[in-house]
Amino acid sequence: MIGSLPMLRGLAGFNRDWLRSDIPAGLSIAAVGLPSAIAYPAIAGLPPETGIYASIVAPIAYAIFGPSRLLVVGPDAATMTVLAAAMGAIIAAEPTTAGIDRVAIASALALGVGVFCIAAKLLRLGVLASFLSRPILVGFFAGVSLSILVGQIGRFTGVKISSDGLIPPLVEMLAKSSLIHWPSLILGLIMFALLWIVRAFRFRVPGPVLVVVLSVVLSAIFDFQGRGIAVVGDIPSGMPSLSLPALHQMPLDKIVLGSAAIFLVSFGAGIVAARSFGSRTGEEVDANQELIGLGAANIAPGLFGSFPVSVSDSRTAINLSTGGVSQVAGLVSAATLIAALVFLHSALRILPIPALAAILATAAISLIDIHELKKIWRISRMEFIFALIAMWGAISFGVLNGVIVAVAATLVYLLRQTMFPRDGLLGRIEGRHGFFDLARFPEARPVEGAAVFAIQGSILFYNADYVRLRLASVAKELPAETRCLVLDASAVTHIDSTGAAALDAVAEILAKRNIVFAMTDLSEESRGILERAGVVEAIGVHNLFNGREEALRALIGNVGETGSTASAG
């Protein structure tokens, strides 16, 4: 029955035998997720319980509406950093006398992200997941990680830091070095070292779980709060009530812009993670379908006093490593966290803040993918530069403006790739079929009496001048006996009005030299553009062909497939 409901695809085909795998997996997800659920809200200045709420309601919503069996959603450091920047912009726009409700703002942004996801699904914009290229995301997250690391200075040292950015907080910390609370700093550094020791020796108990348990026990024994070490404080023991944030009291333009930025980063990064895990399990990832699951997973926290979420790398990895087979694991995790909220809130309230800072700092460092940066450097220096631009944007202009820089870098990269489409003169190789690029194959020879030129890419307003100049240059260098220039347009997907004007100019240049201008394999759309622009009339409809062979036979005679030419008489 479950499998017949499209909205429960992550539970399709459920049977009781799955519980043997899903229950242990769910318990493991909750154990790993609880420390980050408590720690991550601090990035945006939110109370710790909001992270627990998000870790409960988001997986439930995804289990109902999400398409994947194995993905686990929840708080993630990069999304929290963009959220913090968006909240900062909204709070800055509020009157100084207004009472700022940070939780309500975070909830409004979560609803906004959810609405963007649903709208993108309706418009079939799952392709937006690929809008931020892998190099851009790697660079952006490296910049975000540095922002998170700097943000932990105050929590490690117990010193209130009011500066923003990368360098100003460090300068302020130096100026206030006499105020450092050394017990807090020592505790934070010990927990930070413990996390790396656990990772290095691959302990069976996850590092964040060990840090939370150990720091709570030490806090209870040595009364950390009484010794001046900041602790989490009171955490509500129950779930929040269903409510809608007062959107009419907020600057809606900034809510929309902030939601769009969070959506772009969280969805882009989430789909990259989903595809990475999908490649391991063989599970196909449909970005448009994931929009529904992620939309629901964000709307639910927005209605329960929490914040936006994304696909969680760490929780999904735990789910896979412990043998989870369906979204029941996510439901078990949610139930476990509800139990923790009810029965462990007294223990969690004495959790020391420096321990959370250690968890956040470790998570931030994990966002810096040195291996991937080296790989990008090895593959493409240009893409590596764009990764550095994205990293620089997140560091220098703040995370929210860094999103804009990352998007701009993506656009520049895209334009750079398409502004100078690959092209070249084609010829024959004796004894071989087809046409070959004369520049790449020295043994290739041009077809006698003709020139065949191929363009691989659209001819649009931003590269039309380049294409015109390239064709004009080729035309000027053609031998006097050349009777025709055949443009192979099989790889030209689109031509706009500017591109049509460029081709018309080329036709005029060739006409002055009494060289026929012909085109092959034009798409219907491109042909329509050229007809309406008068280009087809200028070159003659009889000079449009379905292939290079057909064009050469009609224009210069019977050209054999291996390069021999026979006169048509």
Protein backbone atom coordinates (compact mmCIF):
# COMPACT_ATOMS: atom_id res chain seq x y z
CA MET A 1 0.00 0.00 0.00
CA ILE A 2 2.81 2.41 0.87
CA GLY A 3 4.49 1.85 -2.47
CA SER A 4 1.32 2.95 -4.31
CA LEU A 5 1.57 6.48 -2.83
CA PRO A 6 3.93 8.70 -4.88
CA MET A 7 4.60 10.88 -1.86
CA LEU A 8 6.11 7.95 0.07
CA ARG A 9 8.69 6.82 -2.47
CA GLY A 10 11.42 6.62 0.17
CA LEU A 11 9.32 3.95 1.93
CA ALA A 12 8.15 2.09 -1.17
CA GLY A 13 8.05 -1.68 -0.80
CA PHE A 14 8.56 -1.50 2.96
CA ASN A 15 8.63 -4.74 4.92
CA ARG A 16 9.39 -5.52 8.54
CA ASP A 17 12.75 -7.09 7.78
CA TRP A 18 14.08 -3.63 6.96
CA LEU A 19 13.70 -2.62 10.60
CA ARG A 20 16.74 -4.76 11.48
CA SER A 21 18.84 -2.38 9.39
CA ASP A 22 16.91 0.87 9.64
CA ILE A 23 16.59 1.01 13.45
CA PRO A 24 20.36 0.77 14.14
CA ALA A 25 20.98 3.20 11.27
CA GLY A 26 18.44 5.67 12.69
CA LEU A 27 20.00 5.48 16.17
CA SER A 28 23.43 6.13 14.65
CA ILE A 29 22.13 9.10 12.65
CA ALA A 30 20.62 10.58 15.82
CA ALA A 31 23.85 10.04 17.79
CA VAL A 32 25.92 11.82 15.16
CA GLY A 33 23.27 14.43 14.42
CA LEU A 34 22.57 15.58 17.98
CA PRO A 35 25.92 17.37 18.54
CA SER A 36 25.71 19.22 15.22
CA ALA A 37 22.02 19.96 15.82
CA ILE A 38 22.99 21.74 19.04
CA ALA A 39 26.15 23.38 17.65
CA TYR A 40 25.12 24.65 14.20
CA PRO A 41 22.40 27.12 15.33
CA ALA A 42 25.13 29.12 17.10
CA ILE A 43 26.50 30.11 13.68
CA ALA A 44 23.33 32.15 13.08
CA GLY A 45 22.88 33.22 16.69
CA LEU A 46 19.91 30.87 17.22
CA PRO A 47 19.11 28.86 20.36
CA PRO A 48 20.30 25.22 20.29
CA GLU A 49 16.82 23.72 20.42
CA THR A 50 16.08 25.07 16.92
CA GLY A 51 18.68 22.67 15.54
CA ILE A 52 17.02 19.76 17.29
CA TYR A 53 13.62 20.83 15.96
CA ALA A 54 15.02 20.97 12.41
CA SER A 55 16.62 17.54 12.86
CA ILE A 56 13.23 16.13 13.86
CA VAL A 57 10.67 17.68 11.52
CA ALA A 58 12.81 17.93 8.35
CA PRO A 59 13.55 14.15 8.10
CA ILE A 60 9.88 13.39 8.75
CA ALA A 61 8.79 15.75 5.96
CA TYR A 62 11.44 14.35 3.61
CA ALA A 63 10.40 10.77 4.40
CA ILE A 64 6.88 11.65 3.25
CA PHE A 65 7.68 13.75 0.18
CA GLY A 66 11.30 12.96 -0.75
CA PRO A 67 12.14 10.56 -3.59
CA SER A 68 15.34 9.03 -2.16
CA ARG A 69 15.47 6.03 0.13
CA LEU A 70 18.84 6.89 1.64
CA LEU A 71 19.40 10.67 1.73
CA VAL A 72 19.11 12.30 5.15
CA VAL A 73 18.35 16.00 5.50
CA GLY A 74 19.29 18.24 8.39
CA PRO A 75 21.33 21.26 9.50
CA ASP A 76 24.54 21.82 7.59
CA ALA A 77 27.36 24.27 8.25
CA ALA A 78 27.44 25.98 4.85
CA THR A 79 23.68 26.58 4.79
CA MET A 80 23.84 27.94 8.34
CA THR A 81 26.54 30.41 7.33
CA VAL A 82 24.47 31.74 4.42
CA LEU A 83 21.47 31.85 6.78
CA ALA A 84 23.48 33.89 9.29
CA ALA A 85 24.40 36.40 6.56
CA ALA A 86 20.80 36.66 5.33
CA MET A 87 19.54 37.17 8.87
CA GLY A 88 22.17 39.85 9.43
CA ALA A 89 20.92 41.79 6.38
CA ILE A 90 17.30 41.52 7.56
CA ILE A 91 18.09 42.55 11.14
CA ALA A 92 20.14 45.51 9.87
CA ALA A 93 17.05 46.72 7.96
CA GLU A 94 14.88 46.63 11.08
CA PRO A 95 14.46 49.79 13.23
CA THR A 96 16.76 49.85 16.24
CA THR A 97 13.71 50.08 18.49
CA ALA A 98 12.09 46.99 17.01
CA GLY A 99 12.15 43.79 18.98
CA ILE A 100 14.23 41.33 16.93
CA ASP A 101 12.91 37.77 16.90
CA ARG A 102 15.77 35.80 15.33
CA VAL A 103 13.86 32.52 15.42
CA ALA A 104 10.92 34.07 13.54
CA ILE A 105 13.27 35.45 10.88
CA ALA A 106 14.97 32.06 10.48
CA SER A 107 11.56 30.38 10.20
CA ALA A 108 10.46 32.89 7.55
CA LEU A 109 13.61 32.17 5.55
CA ALA A 110 13.00 28.42 5.84
CA LEU A 111 9.50 28.91 4.44
CA GLY A 112 10.96 31.07 1.67
CA VAL A 113 13.49 28.37 0.74
CA GLY A 114 10.69 25.80 0.69
CA VAL A 115 8.56 27.99 -1.58
CA PHE A 116 11.52 28.50 -3.94
CA CYS A 117 12.00 24.72 -4.08
CA ILE A 118 8.33 24.10 -4.96
CA ALA A 119 8.30 26.92 -7.52
CA ALA A 120 11.48 25.58 -9.11
CA LYS A 121 9.90 22.13 -9.31
CA LEU A 122 6.77 23.51 -11.01
CA LEU A 123 8.97 25.35 -13.51
CA ARG A 124 11.21 22.28 -13.91
CA LEU A 125 14.28 24.23 -12.86
CA GLY A 126 16.14 21.33 -11.33
CA VAL A 127 18.95 22.34 -13.69
CA LEU A 128 19.66 25.15 -11.20
CA ALA A 129 21.43 22.47 -9.14
CA SER A 130 24.18 22.56 -11.75
CA PHE A 131 24.29 26.35 -11.90
CA LEU A 132 27.07 26.56 -9.32
CA SER A 133 29.80 24.44 -10.85
CA ARG A 134 31.81 22.03 -8.72
CA PRO A 135 34.93 24.26 -8.70
CA ILE A 136 32.82 27.29 -7.68
CA LEU A 137 31.19 25.32 -4.84
CA VAL A 138 34.53 23.95 -3.63
CA GLY A 139 36.00 27.45 -3.53
CA PHE A 140 32.91 28.99 -1.96
CA PHE A 141 32.79 26.38 0.81
CA ALA A 142 36.47 26.92 1.53
CA GLY A 143 35.70 30.60 2.05
CA VAL A 144 32.66 29.75 4.17
CA SER A 145 34.78 27.44 6.33
CA LEU A 146 37.20 30.25 7.11
CA SER A 147 34.25 32.47 8.07
CA ILE A 148 32.97 29.76 10.43
CA LEU A 149 36.42 29.29 11.95
CA VAL A 150 36.78 33.01 12.66
CA GLY A 151 33.28 32.99 14.15
CA GLN A 152 34.40 30.49 16.81
CA ILE A 153 37.07 32.79 18.30
CA GLY A 154 34.66 34.24 20.84
CA ARG A 155 33.29 30.84 21.84
CA PHE A 156 36.76 29.40 22.32
CA THR A 157 38.07 32.34 24.34
CA GLY A 158 35.00 33.64 26.14
CA VAL A 159 35.70 37.11 24.69
CA LYS A 160 32.85 39.00 23.03
CA ILE A 161 33.89 39.77 19.42
CA SER A 162 31.81 42.42 17.65
CA SER A 163 33.76 42.70 14.35
CA ASP A 164 32.74 40.97 11.14
CA GLY A 165 34.81 39.61 8.27
CA LEU A 166 38.06 37.67 8.36
CA ILE A 167 40.82 40.02 9.56
CA PRO A 168 38.93 42.50 11.83
CA PRO A 169 37.90 39.80 14.38
CA LEU A 170 41.53 38.63 14.59
CA VAL A 171 42.71 42.20 15.18
CA GLU A 172 40.00 42.71 17.81
CA MET A 173 41.01 39.47 19.52
CA LEU A 174 44.61 40.63 19.74
CA ALA A 175 43.48 43.91 21.26
CA LYS A 176 41.37 42.04 23.84
CA SER A 177 43.87 39.27 24.54
CA SER A 178 43.97 40.23 28.23
CA LEU A 179 40.28 39.23 28.51
CA ILE A 180 40.79 35.63 27.36
CA HIS A 181 39.16 33.14 29.72
CA TRP A 182 41.90 30.54 29.77
CA PRO A 183 39.86 27.62 31.19
CA SER A 184 37.41 28.05 28.28
CA LEU A 185 40.21 28.18 25.71
CA ILE A 186 42.01 25.15 27.19
CA LEU A 187 38.77 23.13 27.27
CA GLY A 188 37.95 24.07 23.67
CA LEU A 189 41.43 23.16 22.42
CA ILE A 190 41.38 19.82 24.27
CA MET A 191 38.02 18.92 22.70
CA PHE A 192 39.25 20.09 19.29
CA ALA A 193 42.32 17.85 19.62
CA LEU A 194 40.12 14.96 20.76
CA LEU A 195 38.00 15.25 17.63
CA TRP A 196 41.07 14.95 15.42
CA ILE A 197 42.47 12.06 17.44
CA VAL A 198 39.19 10.18 17.04
CA ARG A 199 39.25 10.89 13.30
CA ALA A 200 42.90 9.88 12.92
CA PHE A 201 42.52 6.57 14.77
CA ARG A 202 39.03 5.88 13.42
CA PHE A 203 37.37 5.17 16.75
CA ARG A 204 34.04 3.39 16.53
CA VAL A 205 32.40 6.15 18.59
CA PRO A 206 31.95 9.31 16.46
CA GLY A 207 34.07 12.23 17.66
CA PRO A 208 31.19 14.72 18.20
CA VAL A 209 29.29 12.16 20.30
CA LEU A 210 32.38 11.53 22.45
CA VAL A 211 32.98 15.27 22.89
CA VAL A 212 29.39 15.96 23.94
CA VAL A 213 29.26 13.09 26.44
CA LEU A 214 32.71 13.79 27.91
CA SER A 215 32.20 17.57 28.16
CA VAL A 216 28.78 17.14 29.84
CA VAL A 217 30.25 14.71 32.38
CA LEU A 218 33.18 17.04 33.10
CA SER A 219 30.81 20.00 33.33
CA ALA A 220 28.70 18.17 35.91
CA ILE A 221 31.73 17.07 37.95
CA PHE A 222 33.69 20.34 37.92
CA ASP A 223 30.81 22.83 37.71
CA PHE A 224 32.04 24.56 34.56
CA GLN A 225 29.30 27.18 34.73
CA GLY A 226 30.36 28.15 38.24
CA ARG A 227 33.96 28.50 37.02
CA GLY A 228 33.01 30.99 34.31
CA ILE A 229 32.82 28.62 31.33
CA ALA A 230 29.74 29.42 29.23
CA VAL A 231 27.22 26.61 28.84
CA VAL A 232 24.25 26.06 26.53
CA GLY A 233 21.68 26.88 29.20
CA ASP A 234 18.03 25.93 29.37
CA ILE A 235 16.61 23.90 26.48
CA PRO A 236 12.83 23.44 26.21
CA SER A 237 11.85 19.86 26.93
CA GLY A 238 8.98 19.64 24.46
CA MET A 239 8.30 20.22 20.79
CA PRO A 240 7.25 23.69 19.63
CA SER A 241 3.68 24.32 18.52
CA LEU A 242 2.75 24.71 14.88
CA SER A 243 2.86 28.41 14.00
CA LEU A 244 3.41 30.81 11.12
CA PRO A 245 6.03 33.56 11.52
CA ALA A 246 4.70 37.13 11.33
CA LEU A 247 5.83 37.78 7.75
CA HIS A 248 3.90 41.07 7.57
CA GLN A 249 6.25 42.52 10.20
CA MET A 250 9.42 41.70 8.23
CA PRO A 251 11.09 43.33 5.18
CA LEU A 252 9.70 40.95 2.57
CA ASP A 253 12.18 42.02 -0.12
CA LYS A 254 15.11 40.95 2.05
CA ILE A 255 13.30 37.76 3.08
CA VAL A 256 12.89 36.89 -0.62
CA LEU A 257 16.50 37.74 -1.50
CA GLY A 258 17.85 35.89 1.53
CA SER A 259 15.70 32.85 0.77
CA ALA A 260 16.91 32.86 -2.85
CA ALA A 261 20.56 32.91 -1.76
CA ILE A 262 20.05 30.09 0.76
CA PHE A 263 18.05 28.09 -1.80
CA LEU A 264 20.74 28.39 -4.47
CA VAL A 265 23.58 27.32 -2.18
CA SER A 266 21.75 24.64 -0.19
CA PHE A 267 20.05 23.08 -3.23
CA GLY A 268 23.18 23.22 -5.36
CA ALA A 269 25.35 21.69 -2.65
CA GLY A 270 22.61 19.24 -1.68
CA ILE A 271 22.27 17.83 -5.19
CA VAL A 272 26.06 17.54 -5.53
CA ALA A 273 26.04 15.51 -2.30
CA ALA A 274 23.02 13.48 -3.42
CA ARG A 275 24.66 12.58 -6.73
CA SER A 276 27.88 11.71 -4.97
CA PHE A 277 26.08 9.22 -2.71
CA GLY A 278 23.88 8.07 -5.60
CA SER A 279 26.97 7.09 -7.59
CA ARG A 280 27.96 4.76 -4.74
CA THR A 281 24.57 3.13 -4.34
CA GLY A 282 23.34 3.15 -7.93
CA GLU A 283 20.36 5.30 -6.96
CA GLU A 284 19.42 7.77 -9.68
CA VAL A 285 19.05 11.37 -8.52
CA ASP A 286 16.35 13.44 -10.23
CA ALA A 287 16.98 17.07 -9.29
CA ASN A 288 13.39 18.07 -10.11
CA GLN A 289 11.97 15.38 -7.83
CA GLU A 290 14.43 16.28 -5.06
CA LEU A 291 13.01 19.81 -5.15
CA ILE A 292 9.75 18.47 -3.72
CA GLY A 293 11.49 16.60 -0.91
CA LEU A 294 13.78 19.50 -0.03
CA GLY A 295 10.87 21.94 -0.30
CA ALA A 296 8.88 19.97 2.26
CA ALA A 297 12.00 19.51 4.41
CA ASN A 298 12.34 23.32 4.62
CA ILE A 299 8.69 24.24 4.99
CA ALA A 300 8.33 21.92 7.99
CA PRO A 301 11.07 23.64 10.08
CA GLY A 302 9.61 26.99 9.05
CA LEU A 303 6.30 26.00 10.63
CA PHE A 304 7.93 24.67 13.80
CA GLY A 305 10.22 27.51 14.82
CA SER A 306 13.43 26.39 13.11
CA PHE A 307 15.64 27.16 10.10
CA PRO A 308 16.50 26.00 6.54
CA VAL A 309 18.18 22.62 5.99
CA SER A 310 19.85 20.73 3.17
CA VAL A 311 21.10 17.23 2.40
CA SER A 312 23.43 16.31 5.27
CA ASP A 313 26.69 14.70 4.15
CA SER A 314 27.57 13.31 7.57
CA ARG A 315 24.13 11.88 8.37
CA THR A 316 23.73 10.33 4.91
CA ALA A 317 27.21 8.81 5.17
CA ILE A 318 26.30 7.29 8.56
CA ASN A 319 23.06 5.95 7.09
CA LEU A 320 24.95 4.22 4.29
CA SER A 321 27.75 2.89 6.48
CA THR A 322 25.32 1.38 9.02
CA GLY A 323 23.17 -0.33 6.40
CA GLY A 324 20.06 1.86 6.27
CA VAL A 325 17.73 0.79 3.47
CA SER A 326 14.82 3.25 3.60
CA GLN A 327 13.54 6.51 5.07
CA VAL A 328 12.50 4.57 8.16
CA ALA A 329 16.05 5.29 9.36
CA GLY A 330 15.30 9.03 9.20
CA LEU A 331 12.03 8.50 11.11
CA VAL A 332 13.83 6.49 13.80
CA SER A 333 16.41 9.28 14.07
CA ALA A 334 13.64 11.85 14.53
CA ALA A 335 11.96 9.73 17.22
CA THR A 336 15.29 9.32 19.03
CA LEU A 337 15.88 13.08 19.04
CA ILE A 338 12.38 13.66 20.42
CA ALA A 339 13.26 11.30 23.27
CA ALA A 340 16.55 13.16 23.82
CA LEU A 341 14.69 16.46 23.93
CA VAL A 342 12.28 15.13 26.54
CA PHE A 343 14.64 13.15 28.77
CA LEU A 344 18.12 14.67 28.27
CA HIS A 345 17.42 18.40 28.31
CA SER A 346 18.81 18.73 31.85
CA ALA A 347 22.12 17.20 30.76
CA LEU A 348 22.29 19.23 27.55
CA ARG A 349 21.85 22.52 29.40
CA ILE A 350 25.31 22.17 31.02
CA LEU A 351 27.04 21.38 27.72
CA PRO A 352 29.98 23.86 27.56
CA ILE A 353 30.04 26.32 24.66
CA PRO A 354 33.81 25.78 23.96
CA ALA A 355 33.02 22.12 23.23
CA LEU A 356 30.44 23.22 20.64
CA ALA A 357 33.03 25.62 19.19
CA ALA A 358 35.40 22.66 18.76
CA ILE A 359 32.70 20.71 16.89
CA LEU A 360 31.95 23.69 14.64
CA ALA A 361 35.64 24.36 13.96
CA THR A 362 36.18 20.72 12.99
CA ALA A 363 33.11 20.78 10.73
CA ALA A 364 34.38 24.00 9.12
CA ILE A 365 37.79 22.52 8.37
CA SER A 366 36.10 19.52 6.77
CA LEU A 367 34.49 21.94 4.26
CA ILE A 368 37.95 22.77 2.88
CA ASP A 369 38.44 20.08 0.26
CA ILE A 370 42.19 20.28 -0.38
CA HIS A 371 42.12 17.08 -2.44
CA GLU A 372 39.46 18.50 -4.75
CA LEU A 373 41.30 21.82 -5.08
CA LYS A 374 44.45 19.94 -6.11
CA LYS A 375 42.42 17.93 -8.60
CA ILE A 376 40.89 21.10 -10.10
CA TRP A 377 44.39 22.63 -10.35
CA ARG A 378 45.59 19.53 -12.19
CA ILE A 379 42.63 19.44 -14.57
CA SER A 380 42.11 23.11 -15.36
CA ARG A 381 44.02 26.18 -14.20
CA MET A 382 41.12 28.40 -15.32
CA GLU A 383 38.59 26.52 -13.17
CA PHE A 384 41.00 26.69 -10.24
CA ILE A 385 41.10 30.47 -10.61
CA PHE A 386 37.30 30.61 -10.48
CA ALA A 387 37.37 28.45 -7.34
CA LEU A 388 39.73 31.00 -5.76
CA ILE A 389 37.46 33.86 -6.87
CA ALA A 390 34.49 32.18 -5.15
CA MET A 391 36.57 31.62 -2.00
CA TRP A 392 37.78 35.22 -2.04
CA GLY A 393 34.20 36.47 -2.47
CA ALA A 394 32.94 34.58 0.59
CA ILE A 395 35.87 35.86 2.69
CA SER A 396 36.15 39.45 1.49
CA PHE A 397 32.53 40.45 0.91
CA GLY A 398 30.76 38.32 3.47
CA VAL A 399 28.92 35.07 2.84
CA LEU A 400 25.73 36.58 1.39
CA ASN A 401 27.62 38.79 -1.06
CA GLY A 402 29.92 35.81 -1.60
CA VAL A 403 26.92 33.97 -3.07
CA ILE A 404 26.56 36.80 -5.59
CA VAL A 405 30.29 36.63 -6.36
CA ALA A 406 30.02 32.85 -6.80
CA VAL A 407 27.06 33.23 -9.17
CA ALA A 408 28.88 35.99 -11.07
CA ALA A 409 31.98 33.79 -11.30
CA THR A 410 29.82 30.97 -12.66
CA LEU A 411 28.35 33.28 -15.29
CA VAL A 412 31.77 34.57 -16.28
CA TYR A 413 33.05 31.01 -16.48
CA LEU A 414 30.06 29.99 -18.62
CA LEU A 415 30.51 32.99 -20.91
CA ARG A 416 34.24 32.30 -21.14
CA GLN A 417 33.52 28.74 -22.27
CA THR A 418 30.99 29.79 -24.93
CA MET A 419 32.36 33.18 -26.00
CA PHE A 420 35.05 31.56 -28.13
CA PRO A 421 33.44 28.42 -29.60
CA ARG A 422 35.74 25.80 -31.06
CA ASP A 423 35.98 26.05 -34.81
CA GLY A 424 38.23 25.02 -37.65
CA LEU A 425 38.68 24.20 -41.30
CA LEU A 426 37.99 20.56 -42.15
CA GLY A 427 39.58 18.32 -44.72
CA ARG A 428 40.04 14.70 -45.82
CA ILE A 429 42.59 12.04 -44.94
CA GLU A 430 43.38 9.64 -47.79
CA GLY A 431 41.87 6.22 -47.11
CA ARG A 432 39.76 7.34 -44.12
CA HIS A 433 36.10 8.26 -43.94
CA GLY A 434 34.75 11.59 -42.72
CA PHE A 435 36.21 15.06 -42.23
CA PHE A 436 39.10 16.06 -39.97
CA ASP A 437 40.28 19.31 -38.41
CA LEU A 438 43.22 20.55 -40.50
CA ALA A 439 44.88 22.08 -37.42
CA ARG A 440 44.73 18.85 -35.41
CA PHE A 441 45.54 16.39 -38.18
CA PRO A 442 48.58 17.44 -40.22
CA GLU A 443 47.97 14.60 -42.69
CA ALA A 444 44.52 15.99 -43.55
CA ARG A 445 44.13 17.92 -46.82
CA PRO A 446 41.47 20.50 -47.75
CA VAL A 447 38.86 19.54 -50.34
CA GLU A 448 39.94 20.90 -53.72
CA GLY A 449 37.90 23.92 -54.75
CA ALA A 450 36.01 24.15 -51.44
CA ALA A 451 36.42 25.10 -47.80
CA VAL A 452 34.54 23.32 -45.05
CA PHE A 453 34.37 25.22 -41.75
CA ALA A 454 32.81 23.87 -38.55
CA ILE A 455 31.63 25.82 -35.50
CA GLN A 456 30.94 23.98 -32.23
CA GLY A 457 28.65 26.24 -30.23
CA SER A 458 25.80 28.68 -30.52
CA ILE A 459 26.20 31.99 -32.37
CA LEU A 460 24.79 34.58 -30.00
CA PHE A 461 25.12 38.28 -29.25
CA TYR A 462 28.20 37.88 -27.04
CA ASN A 463 30.25 35.77 -29.48
CA ALA A 464 28.78 36.79 -32.84
CA ASP A 465 31.56 39.31 -33.47
CA TYR A 466 34.19 36.66 -32.79
CA VAL A 467 32.50 34.24 -35.20
CA ARG A 468 32.20 36.97 -37.88
CA LEU A 469 35.88 37.87 -37.56
CA ARG A 470 36.94 34.22 -37.68
CA LEU A 471 34.90 33.53 -40.83
CA ALA A 472 36.06 36.78 -42.43
CA SER A 473 39.68 35.85 -41.69
CA VAL A 474 39.18 32.40 -43.21
CA ALA A 475 37.49 33.91 -46.27
CA LYS A 476 40.40 36.29 -46.92
CA GLU A 477 42.93 33.45 -46.82
CA LEU A 478 41.08 31.09 -49.16
CA PRO A 479 42.89 30.19 -52.40
CA ALA A 480 41.70 31.97 -55.55
CA GLU A 481 40.28 28.73 -57.00
CA THR A 482 37.92 28.21 -54.04
CA ARG A 483 34.34 28.07 -55.28
CA CYS A 484 32.45 27.65 -52.03
CA LEU A 485 32.68 27.88 -48.26
CA VAL A 486 30.49 25.33 -46.49
CA LEU A 487 29.61 26.15 -42.89
CA ASP A 488 28.96 22.96 -40.91
CA ALA A 489 26.27 24.05 -38.40
CA SER A 490 25.54 20.58 -37.01
CA ALA A 491 26.95 21.62 -33.60
CA VAL A 492 25.33 25.09 -33.63
CA THR A 493 22.38 24.77 -31.27
CA HIS A 494 21.07 28.33 -31.50
CA ILE A 495 21.51 31.51 -33.54
CA ASP A 496 20.05 34.83 -32.41
CA SER A 497 19.45 38.03 -34.39
CA THR A 498 22.99 39.30 -33.71
CA GLY A 499 24.41 35.99 -34.89
CA ALA A 500 22.25 36.21 -38.02
CA ALA A 501 23.65 39.69 -38.75
CA ALA A 502 27.18 38.32 -38.37
CA LEU A 503 26.50 35.53 -40.89
CA ASP A 504 24.91 38.04 -43.26
CA ALA A 505 28.12 40.12 -43.13
CA VAL A 506 30.16 36.99 -43.92
CA ALA A 507 27.87 36.25 -46.88
CA GLU A 508 28.57 39.75 -48.26
CA ILE A 509 32.35 39.27 -47.93
CA LEU A 510 32.18 35.92 -49.78
CA ALA A 511 29.86 37.31 -52.47
CA LYS A 512 32.45 40.00 -53.32
CA ARG A 513 34.95 37.18 -53.98
CA ASN A 514 32.39 35.17 -55.99
CA ILE A 515 32.53 32.38 -53.40
CA VAL A 516 29.28 30.55 -52.66
CA PHE A 517 28.30 30.56 -48.97
CA ALA A 518 26.49 27.35 -47.98
CA MET A 519 25.31 25.90 -44.70
CA THR A 520 24.61 22.35 -43.59
CA ASP A 521 22.63 20.71 -40.82
CA LEU A 522 20.88 23.86 -39.58
CA SER A 523 18.37 23.23 -36.82
CA GLU A 524 14.77 24.19 -37.52
CA GLU A 525 14.93 27.00 -34.98
CA SER A 526 18.16 28.43 -36.39
CA ARG A 527 16.85 28.18 -39.95
CA GLY A 528 13.73 30.09 -38.93
CA ILE A 529 15.86 32.87 -37.42
CA LEU A 530 17.99 33.13 -40.58
CA GLU A 531 14.91 33.16 -42.82
CA ARG A 532 13.28 35.98 -40.87
CA ALA A 533 16.59 37.91 -40.84
CA GLY A 534 16.89 37.65 -44.64
CA VAL A 535 20.12 35.60 -44.52
CA VAL A 536 18.60 32.59 -46.30
CA GLU A 537 17.40 34.85 -49.11
CA ALA A 538 20.87 36.41 -49.34
CA ILE A 539 22.74 33.13 -49.72
CA GLY A 540 19.93 31.28 -51.52
CA VAL A 541 17.69 28.58 -50.11
CA HIS A 542 19.28 26.13 -52.55
CA ASN A 543 22.54 26.54 -50.61
CA LEU A 544 21.14 24.98 -47.45
CA PHE A 545 21.97 21.28 -47.23
CA ASN A 546 21.41 18.32 -44.93
CA GLY A 547 25.06 17.32 -44.78
CA ARG A 548 28.58 18.17 -45.88
CA GLU A 549 28.73 15.41 -48.50
CA GLU A 550 25.48 16.59 -50.07
CA ALA A 551 26.71 20.19 -50.13
CA LEU A 552 30.05 19.33 -51.77
CA ARG A 553 28.44 17.08 -54.40
CA ALA A 554 26.01 19.86 -55.34
CA LEU A 555 28.55 22.69 -55.34
CA ILE A 556 31.78 21.25 -56.76
CA GLY A 557 31.01 17.77 -58.02
CA ASN A 558 31.04 14.19 -56.80
CA VAL A 559 33.35 14.08 -53.79
CA GLY A 560 34.28 10.60 -52.63
CA GLU A 561 34.22 9.74 -48.95
CA THR A 562 37.98 9.29 -48.83
CA GLY A 563 38.79 12.59 -50.48
CA SER A 564 38.92 11.92 -54.24
CA THR A 565 37.07 14.43 -56.41
CA ALA A 566 35.40 13.71 -59.73
CA SER A 567 34.05 16.47 -61.92
CA ALA A 568 30.32 16.57 -62.35
CA GLY A 569 30.86 17.72 -65.91
